[in-house]
Structures are given as structure tokens and as C-alpha cells.
C-alpha atoms as a PDB file:
ATOM      1  CA  UNK A   1      11.809 -36.608 -30.426  1.00  0.00           C
ATOM      2  CA  UNK A   2       8.852 -38.458 -28.985  1.00  0.00           C
ATOM      3  CA  UNK A   3       6.682 -36.408 -26.620  1.00  0.00           C
ATOM      4  CA  UNK A   4       5.316 -38.782 -24.008  1.00  0.00           C
ATOM      5  CA  UNK A   5       4.052 -36.290 -21.439  1.00  0.00           C
ATOM      6  CA  UNK A   6       2.846 -32.711 -21.537  1.00  0.00           C
ATOM      7  CA  UNK A   7       1.126 -30.825 -18.757  1.00  0.00           C
ATOM      8  CA  UNK A   8       0.082 -27.280 -18.022  1.00  0.00           C
ATOM      9  CA  UNK A   9       2.263 -25.617 -15.386  1.00  0.00           C
ATOM     10  CA  UNK A  10       1.087 -22.034 -14.874  1.00  0.00           C
ATOM     11  CA  UNK A  11       0.044 -18.760 -16.488  1.00  0.00           C
ATOM     12  CA  UNK A  12       1.770 -15.460 -15.782  1.00  0.00           C
ATOM     13  CA  UNK A  13       0.468 -11.910 -16.180  1.00  0.00           C
ATOM     14  CA  UNK A  14       3.110 -10.071 -14.139  1.00  0.00           C
ATOM     15  CA  UNK A  15       6.823  -9.721 -14.732  1.00  0.00           C
ATOM     16  CA  UNK A  16       7.612 -10.741 -11.151  1.00  0.00           C
ATOM     17  CA  UNK A  17       5.924 -14.127 -11.730  1.00  0.00           C
ATOM     18  CA  UNK A  18       7.962 -15.127 -14.807  1.00  0.00           C
ATOM     19  CA  UNK A  19       9.434 -18.554 -14.048  1.00  0.00           C
ATOM     20  CA  UNK A  20      13.137 -18.776 -13.420  1.00  0.00           C
ATOM     21  CA  UNK A  21      14.743 -22.173 -12.989  1.00  0.00           C
ATOM     22  CA  UNK A  22      17.304 -24.321 -14.786  1.00  0.00           C
ATOM     23  CA  UNK A  23      14.922 -25.977 -17.248  1.00  0.00           C
ATOM     24  CA  UNK A  24      15.334 -25.370 -20.989  1.00  0.00           C
ATOM     25  CA  UNK A  25      12.565 -23.294 -22.584  1.00  0.00           C
ATOM     26  CA  UNK A  26      11.221 -23.154 -26.142  1.00  0.00           C
ATOM     27  CA  UNK A  27       8.904 -20.194 -26.829  1.00  0.00           C
ATOM     28  CA  UNK A  28       6.152 -19.725 -29.402  1.00  0.00           C
ATOM     29  CA  UNK A  29       5.015 -16.298 -30.587  1.00  0.00           C
ATOM     30  CA  UNK A  30       2.927 -14.898 -33.417  1.00  0.00           C
ATOM     31  CA  UNK A  31      -0.011 -12.789 -34.444  1.00  0.00           C
ATOM     32  CA  UNK A  32      -3.357 -13.508 -32.865  1.00  0.00           C
ATOM     33  CA  UNK A  33      -5.181 -16.278 -34.738  1.00  0.00           C
ATOM     34  CA  UNK A  34      -2.021 -17.640 -36.407  1.00  0.00           C
ATOM     35  CA  UNK A  35      -2.654 -21.081 -34.852  1.00  0.00           C
ATOM     36  CA  UNK A  36      -0.228 -21.028 -31.919  1.00  0.00           C
ATOM     37  CA  UNK A  37      -2.373 -23.059 -29.514  1.00  0.00           C
ATOM     38  CA  UNK A  38      -3.316 -25.538 -32.260  1.00  0.00           C
ATOM     39  CA  UNK A  39       0.353 -26.021 -33.139  1.00  0.00           C
ATOM     40  CA  UNK A  40       1.325 -26.665 -29.506  1.00  0.00           C
ATOM     41  CA  UNK A  41      -1.533 -29.164 -29.124  1.00  0.00           C
ATOM     42  CA  UNK A  42      -0.558 -30.924 -32.354  1.00  0.00           C
ATOM     43  CA  UNK A  43       3.105 -31.138 -31.303  1.00  0.00           C
ATOM     44  CA  UNK A  44       2.315 -32.703 -27.935  1.00  0.00           C
ATOM     45  CA  UNK A  45      -0.523 -34.891 -29.228  1.00  0.00           C
ATOM     46  CA  UNK A  46      -3.194 -33.452 -26.942  1.00  0.00           C
ATOM     47  CA  UNK A  47      -6.363 -31.690 -28.024  1.00  0.00           C
ATOM     48  CA  UNK A  48      -6.800 -29.163 -25.243  1.00  0.00           C
ATOM     49  CA  UNK A  49      -3.462 -28.596 -23.535  1.00  0.00           C
ATOM     50  CA  UNK A  50      -3.214 -25.060 -24.930  1.00  0.00           C
ATOM     51  CA  UNK A  51      -6.591 -23.344 -25.101  1.00  0.00           C
ATOM     52  CA  UNK A  52      -7.767 -22.646 -28.640  1.00  0.00           C
ATOM     53  CA  UNK A  53     -10.434 -20.151 -29.586  1.00  0.00           C
ATOM     54  CA  UNK A  54     -12.118 -18.741 -32.675  1.00  0.00           C
ATOM     55  CA  UNK A  55     -11.721 -15.338 -31.020  1.00  0.00           C
ATOM     56  CA  UNK A  56      -8.316 -13.819 -31.826  1.00  0.00           C
ATOM     57  CA  UNK A  57      -6.178 -12.445 -29.027  1.00  0.00           C
ATOM     58  CA  UNK A  58      -7.185 -14.954 -26.353  1.00  0.00           C
ATOM     59  CA  UNK A  59      -3.645 -15.581 -25.097  1.00  0.00           C
ATOM     60  CA  UNK A  60      -3.147 -12.541 -22.879  1.00  0.00           C
ATOM     61  CA  UNK A  61      -0.522 -14.084 -20.638  1.00  0.00           C
ATOM     62  CA  UNK A  62       2.551 -16.269 -20.727  1.00  0.00           C
ATOM     63  CA  UNK A  63       1.521 -19.928 -20.469  1.00  0.00           C
ATOM     64  CA  UNK A  64       4.025 -22.584 -19.420  1.00  0.00           C
ATOM     65  CA  UNK A  65       3.806 -26.297 -20.247  1.00  0.00           C
ATOM     66  CA  UNK A  66       6.129 -29.033 -18.969  1.00  0.00           C
ATOM     67  CA  UNK A  67       7.193 -31.475 -21.684  1.00  0.00           C
ATOM     68  CA  UNK A  68       8.630 -34.955 -20.936  1.00  0.00           C
ATOM     69  CA  UNK A  69       9.722 -33.572 -17.515  1.00  0.00           C
ATOM     70  CA  UNK A  70      12.664 -32.284 -19.560  1.00  0.00           C
ATOM     71  CA  UNK A  71      11.845 -28.825 -20.939  1.00  0.00           C
ATOM     72  CA  UNK A  72       9.139 -26.168 -21.037  1.00  0.00           C
ATOM     73  CA  UNK A  73       7.081 -24.876 -23.914  1.00  0.00           C
ATOM     74  CA  UNK A  74       6.296 -21.203 -23.358  1.00  0.00           C
ATOM     75  CA  UNK A  75       3.223 -19.830 -25.134  1.00  0.00           C
ATOM     76  CA  UNK A  76       3.648 -16.052 -25.444  1.00  0.00           C
ATOM     77  CA  UNK A  77       0.774 -13.570 -25.941  1.00  0.00           C
ATOM     78  CA  UNK A  78      -0.511 -13.153 -29.489  1.00  0.00           C
ATOM     79  CA  UNK A  79       0.045  -9.742 -31.022  1.00  0.00           C
ATOM     80  CA  UNK A  80      -1.796  -7.560 -33.503  1.00  0.00           C
ATOM     81  CA  UNK A  81      -5.427  -7.883 -32.450  1.00  0.00           C
ATOM     82  CA  UNK A  82      -6.946  -4.393 -32.575  1.00  0.00           C
ATOM     83  CA  UNK A  83     -10.006  -4.904 -30.348  1.00  0.00           C
ATOM     84  CA  UNK A  84      -7.836  -5.155 -27.269  1.00  0.00           C
ATOM     85  CA  UNK A  85      -7.387  -2.006 -25.196  1.00  0.00           C
ATOM     86  CA  UNK A  86      -4.114  -0.118 -25.519  1.00  0.00           C
ATOM     87  CA  UNK A  87      -3.310  -0.581 -21.833  1.00  0.00           C
ATOM     88  CA  UNK A  88      -3.610  -4.367 -22.208  1.00  0.00           C
ATOM     89  CA  UNK A  89      -1.493  -4.338 -25.369  1.00  0.00           C
ATOM     90  CA  UNK A  90       1.225  -2.350 -23.601  1.00  0.00           C
ATOM     91  CA  UNK A  91       1.130  -4.797 -20.669  1.00  0.00           C
ATOM     92  CA  UNK A  92       1.453  -7.883 -22.914  1.00  0.00           C
ATOM     93  CA  UNK A  93       4.205  -6.297 -24.982  1.00  0.00           C
ATOM     94  CA  UNK A  94       6.110  -5.369 -21.828  1.00  0.00           C
ATOM     95  CA  UNK A  95       5.621  -8.835 -20.356  1.00  0.00           C
ATOM     96  CA  UNK A  96       6.740 -10.543 -23.553  1.00  0.00           C
ATOM     97  CA  UNK A  97       9.783  -8.272 -23.879  1.00  0.00           C
ATOM     98  CA  UNK A  98      10.817  -8.907 -20.248  1.00  0.00           C
ATOM     99  CA  UNK A  99      10.494 -12.648 -20.806  1.00  0.00           C
ATOM    100  CA  UNK A 100      12.486 -12.655 -24.053  1.00  0.00           C
ATOM    101  CA  UNK A 101      15.280 -10.490 -22.662  1.00  0.00           C
ATOM    102  CA  UNK A 102      15.591 -12.129 -19.258  1.00  0.00           C
ATOM    103  CA  UNK A 103      14.957 -15.862 -19.704  1.00  0.00           C
ATOM    104  CA  UNK A 104      18.380 -17.417 -19.245  1.00  0.00           C
ATOM    105  CA  UNK A 105      17.141 -20.839 -20.408  1.00  0.00           C
ATOM    106  CA  UNK A 106      15.390 -19.780 -23.615  1.00  0.00           C
ATOM    107  CA  UNK A 107      16.935 -21.862 -26.419  1.00  0.00           C
ATOM    108  CA  UNK A 108      14.837 -20.741 -29.377  1.00  0.00           C
ATOM    109  CA  UNK A 109      11.707 -18.811 -30.321  1.00  0.00           C
ATOM    110  CA  UNK A 110       9.324 -20.167 -32.931  1.00  0.00           C
ATOM    111  CA  UNK A 111       7.790 -17.199 -34.762  1.00  0.00           C
ATOM    112  CA  UNK A 112       4.531 -18.341 -36.361  1.00  0.00           C
ATOM    113  CA  UNK A 113       3.283 -16.773 -39.602  1.00  0.00           C
ATOM    114  CA  UNK A 114       0.188 -17.782 -41.591  1.00  0.00           C
ATOM    115  CA  UNK A 115       1.548 -19.175 -44.875  1.00  0.00           C
ATOM    116  CA  UNK A 116      -1.324 -17.628 -46.858  1.00  0.00           C
ATOM    117  CA  UNK A 117      -0.348 -14.041 -46.078  1.00  0.00           C
ATOM    118  CA  UNK A 118       2.721 -11.884 -46.331  1.00  0.00           C
ATOM    119  CA  UNK A 119       4.373 -11.218 -42.948  1.00  0.00           C
ATOM    120  CA  UNK A 120       2.931  -8.144 -41.236  1.00  0.00           C
ATOM    121  CA  UNK A 121       4.839  -5.161 -39.896  1.00  0.00           C
ATOM    122  CA  UNK A 122       4.427  -6.666 -36.413  1.00  0.00           C
ATOM    123  CA  UNK A 123       6.020  -9.922 -37.611  1.00  0.00           C
ATOM    124  CA  UNK A 124       8.929  -7.931 -39.034  1.00  0.00           C
ATOM    125  CA  UNK A 125       9.259  -5.984 -35.778  1.00  0.00           C
ATOM    126  CA  UNK A 126       9.379  -9.261 -33.830  1.00  0.00           C
ATOM    127  CA  UNK A 127      12.226 -10.550 -36.009  1.00  0.00           C
ATOM    128  CA  UNK A 128      14.053  -7.232 -35.738  1.00  0.00           C
ATOM    129  CA  UNK A 129      13.764  -7.478 -31.944  1.00  0.00           C
ATOM    130  CA  UNK A 130      15.056 -11.080 -31.909  1.00  0.00           C
ATOM    131  CA  UNK A 131      17.919 -10.207 -34.274  1.00  0.00           C
ATOM    132  CA  UNK A 132      18.843  -7.086 -32.286  1.00  0.00           C
ATOM    133  CA  UNK A 133      19.143  -9.058 -29.044  1.00  0.00           C
ATOM    134  CA  UNK A 134      20.622 -12.138 -30.769  1.00  0.00           C
ATOM    135  CA  UNK A 135      17.813 -14.431 -29.620  1.00  0.00           C
ATOM    136  CA  UNK A 136      17.756 -17.616 -31.745  1.00  0.00           C
ATOM    137  CA  UNK A 137      14.568 -18.198 -33.720  1.00  0.00           C
ATOM    138  CA  UNK A 138      12.900 -20.271 -36.409  1.00  0.00           C
ATOM    139  CA  UNK A 139       9.968 -19.073 -38.512  1.00  0.00           C
ATOM    140  CA  UNK A 140       7.063 -21.524 -38.769  1.00  0.00           C
ATOM    141  CA  UNK A 141       4.731 -21.152 -41.748  1.00  0.00           C
ATOM    142  CA  UNK A 142       1.401 -22.323 -40.300  1.00  0.00           C
ATOM    143  CA  UNK A 143      -1.819 -23.562 -41.926  1.00  0.00           C
ATOM    144  CA  UNK A 144      -0.035 -25.134 -44.907  1.00  0.00           C
ATOM    145  CA  UNK A 145      -2.941 -27.596 -45.223  1.00  0.00           C
ATOM    146  CA  UNK A 146      -4.859 -24.664 -46.783  1.00  0.00           C
ATOM    147  CA  UNK A 147      -2.457 -24.742 -49.756  1.00  0.00           C
ATOM    148  CA  UNK A 148      -1.849 -27.305 -52.470  1.00  0.00           C
ATOM    149  CA  UNK A 149       1.218 -29.334 -51.481  1.00  0.00           C
ATOM    150  CA  UNK A 150       3.082 -28.028 -54.542  1.00  0.00           C
ATOM    151  CA  UNK A 151       2.549 -24.412 -53.337  1.00  0.00           C
ATOM    152  CA  UNK A 152       4.107 -24.909 -49.872  1.00  0.00           C
ATOM    153  CA  UNK A 153       7.767 -24.317 -50.916  1.00  0.00           C
ATOM    154  CA  UNK A 154       6.667 -21.164 -52.776  1.00  0.00           C
ATOM    155  CA  UNK A 155       4.856 -19.853 -49.649  1.00  0.00           C
ATOM    156  CA  UNK A 156       7.942 -20.513 -47.486  1.00  0.00           C
ATOM    157  CA  UNK A 157      10.138 -18.710 -50.019  1.00  0.00           C
ATOM    158  CA  UNK A 158       7.761 -15.718 -50.012  1.00  0.00           C
ATOM    159  CA  UNK A 159       7.855 -15.529 -46.188  1.00  0.00           C
ATOM    160  CA  UNK A 160      11.664 -15.833 -46.123  1.00  0.00           C
ATOM    161  CA  UNK A 161      12.061 -13.125 -48.774  1.00  0.00           C
ATOM    162  CA  UNK A 162       9.658 -10.731 -47.006  1.00  0.00           C
ATOM    163  CA  UNK A 163      11.412 -11.233 -43.664  1.00  0.00           C
ATOM    164  CA  UNK A 164      14.913 -11.112 -45.105  1.00  0.00           C
ATOM    165  CA  UNK A 165      15.879 -14.530 -43.707  1.00  0.00           C
ATOM    166  CA  UNK A 166      17.360 -17.661 -45.257  1.00  0.00           C
ATOM    167  CA  UNK A 167      14.752 -20.088 -46.577  1.00  0.00           C
ATOM    168  CA  UNK A 168      16.155 -22.807 -44.270  1.00  0.00           C
ATOM    169  CA  UNK A 169      14.878 -20.763 -41.312  1.00  0.00           C
ATOM    170  CA  UNK A 170      11.255 -21.199 -42.459  1.00  0.00           C
ATOM    171  CA  UNK A 171       9.574 -24.494 -41.557  1.00  0.00           C
ATOM    172  CA  UNK A 172       6.120 -25.404 -42.921  1.00  0.00           C
ATOM    173  CA  UNK A 173       3.563 -26.820 -40.495  1.00  0.00           C
ATOM    174  CA  UNK A 174      -0.073 -27.911 -40.376  1.00  0.00           C
ATOM    175  CA  UNK A 175      -1.955 -28.591 -37.152  1.00  0.00           C
ATOM    176  CA  UNK A 176      -4.656 -30.306 -39.231  1.00  0.00           C
ATOM    177  CA  UNK A 177      -2.665 -32.990 -41.065  1.00  0.00           C
ATOM    178  CA  UNK A 178       0.586 -32.702 -39.018  1.00  0.00           C
ATOM    179  CA  UNK A 179       2.657 -31.813 -42.082  1.00  0.00           C
ATOM    180  CA  UNK A 180       6.074 -30.723 -40.784  1.00  0.00           C
ATOM    181  CA  UNK A 181       5.587 -32.133 -37.272  1.00  0.00           C
ATOM    182  CA  UNK A 182       8.577 -34.496 -37.429  1.00  0.00           C
ATOM    183  CA  UNK A 183      10.869 -31.746 -38.709  1.00  0.00           C
ATOM    184  CA  UNK A 184       9.772 -29.419 -35.915  1.00  0.00           C
ATOM    185  CA  UNK A 185      10.223 -32.099 -33.247  1.00  0.00           C
ATOM    186  CA  UNK A 186      13.689 -32.961 -34.589  1.00  0.00           C
ATOM    187  CA  UNK A 187      14.668 -29.323 -34.373  1.00  0.00           C
ATOM    188  CA  UNK A 188      13.335 -29.061 -30.791  1.00  0.00           C
ATOM    189  CA  UNK A 189      15.277 -32.209 -29.854  1.00  0.00           C
ATOM    190  CA  UNK A 190      18.475 -30.659 -31.235  1.00  0.00           C
ATOM    191  CA  UNK A 191      18.126 -27.569 -29.021  1.00  0.00           C
ATOM    192  CA  UNK A 192      16.896 -29.126 -25.784  1.00  0.00           C
ATOM    193  CA  UNK A 193      19.581 -31.817 -25.500  1.00  0.00           C
END
């Protein structure tokens, strides 16, 4: 797939504002600071489409982006950042859950996990939720540029084993050197067409 256009559509903080139309959606979710915004920017070839920050937990809403006038990328709130108030965490979790359960055009969820660390309990809970409700997903091992190339398969195997998923469901990716970009775009093309 070649992404020729990508533009910001809207941000949503209330359940009633979640978009509902006939356009295919691909969602991205993961712990705060896992590199979600950087991955989206790398995929679409734009530096600042999704806002990146050195402060974890910046995505507090659902952000929608229109890609090739064909489908939407949906950037879901990051989870697991402790400095956020409990009321805000409950709101994001509720918003994310409502989106995941009610989006009739959601084709797949990319669950991002930092390849340098074992998946957290929150990552495991996210996969349990997706499995329980039979929502298709792929795990993306981010920040693989931080590893020697020979260590990438080992990191993906470790993530797969810890999550209890097949290794084929774990795709390596680097926003820095674009390792894995073609594979990810091919997968997106297969689900949006």
C-alpha cells in the first residue's frame, strides 16, 4: 500500500461523539510512551500528523485520521501512565471500551508493545479484552532500532510467548529507520480492501 494522503479529522473525548460512518477503521493502542504517534507518523510519511511528546500519556482522547480518502486510522488513548488522575483514567478506559465494542467498521487493532520490555499486565488485559470480544488484532513490537538486528526475532518471540499468541501475530517496527513499515502497510492493505 502506498499512502498518498493523510489528514487529521477530529478528536473525541465523549462517547456520543465517536464517529459512525461506513469507512473502514484501523485502530492503534498501547501503553503511554510506546511510540504510537511516532509509528502513525512514520506509516503515513508525515512528521507531525499525530502529536508526539516526551511526556507519556499525552493522548487522552480518540484521534481520527483520514488516509487516502479510503479508511481511517484511529489513535486510541495510551494506558498505564500513573500520574494521570483516576477519574481521567476511568474516562479514557470507558471511551476506549465503547469505541472497541461499538465500532462496526473496525477491521483490526494494532497493539503496540516496546520490544525491549516484557508485556505488562495492562498489555495482557488489552489482549484478553480483544480475545474475549473477538476483535481482530496484531501485536507490533516497537522501537526495534534499539536492538541489534539479530536480536529482533528473539524479542518478537519473547513478546509472543508472554502474551500467549502465535509468533506470526507479532510484527517488528521502527519509527526511526522504518524497519517493518512495508510489512505493516501490506497487512493494512489486506484488511482495508
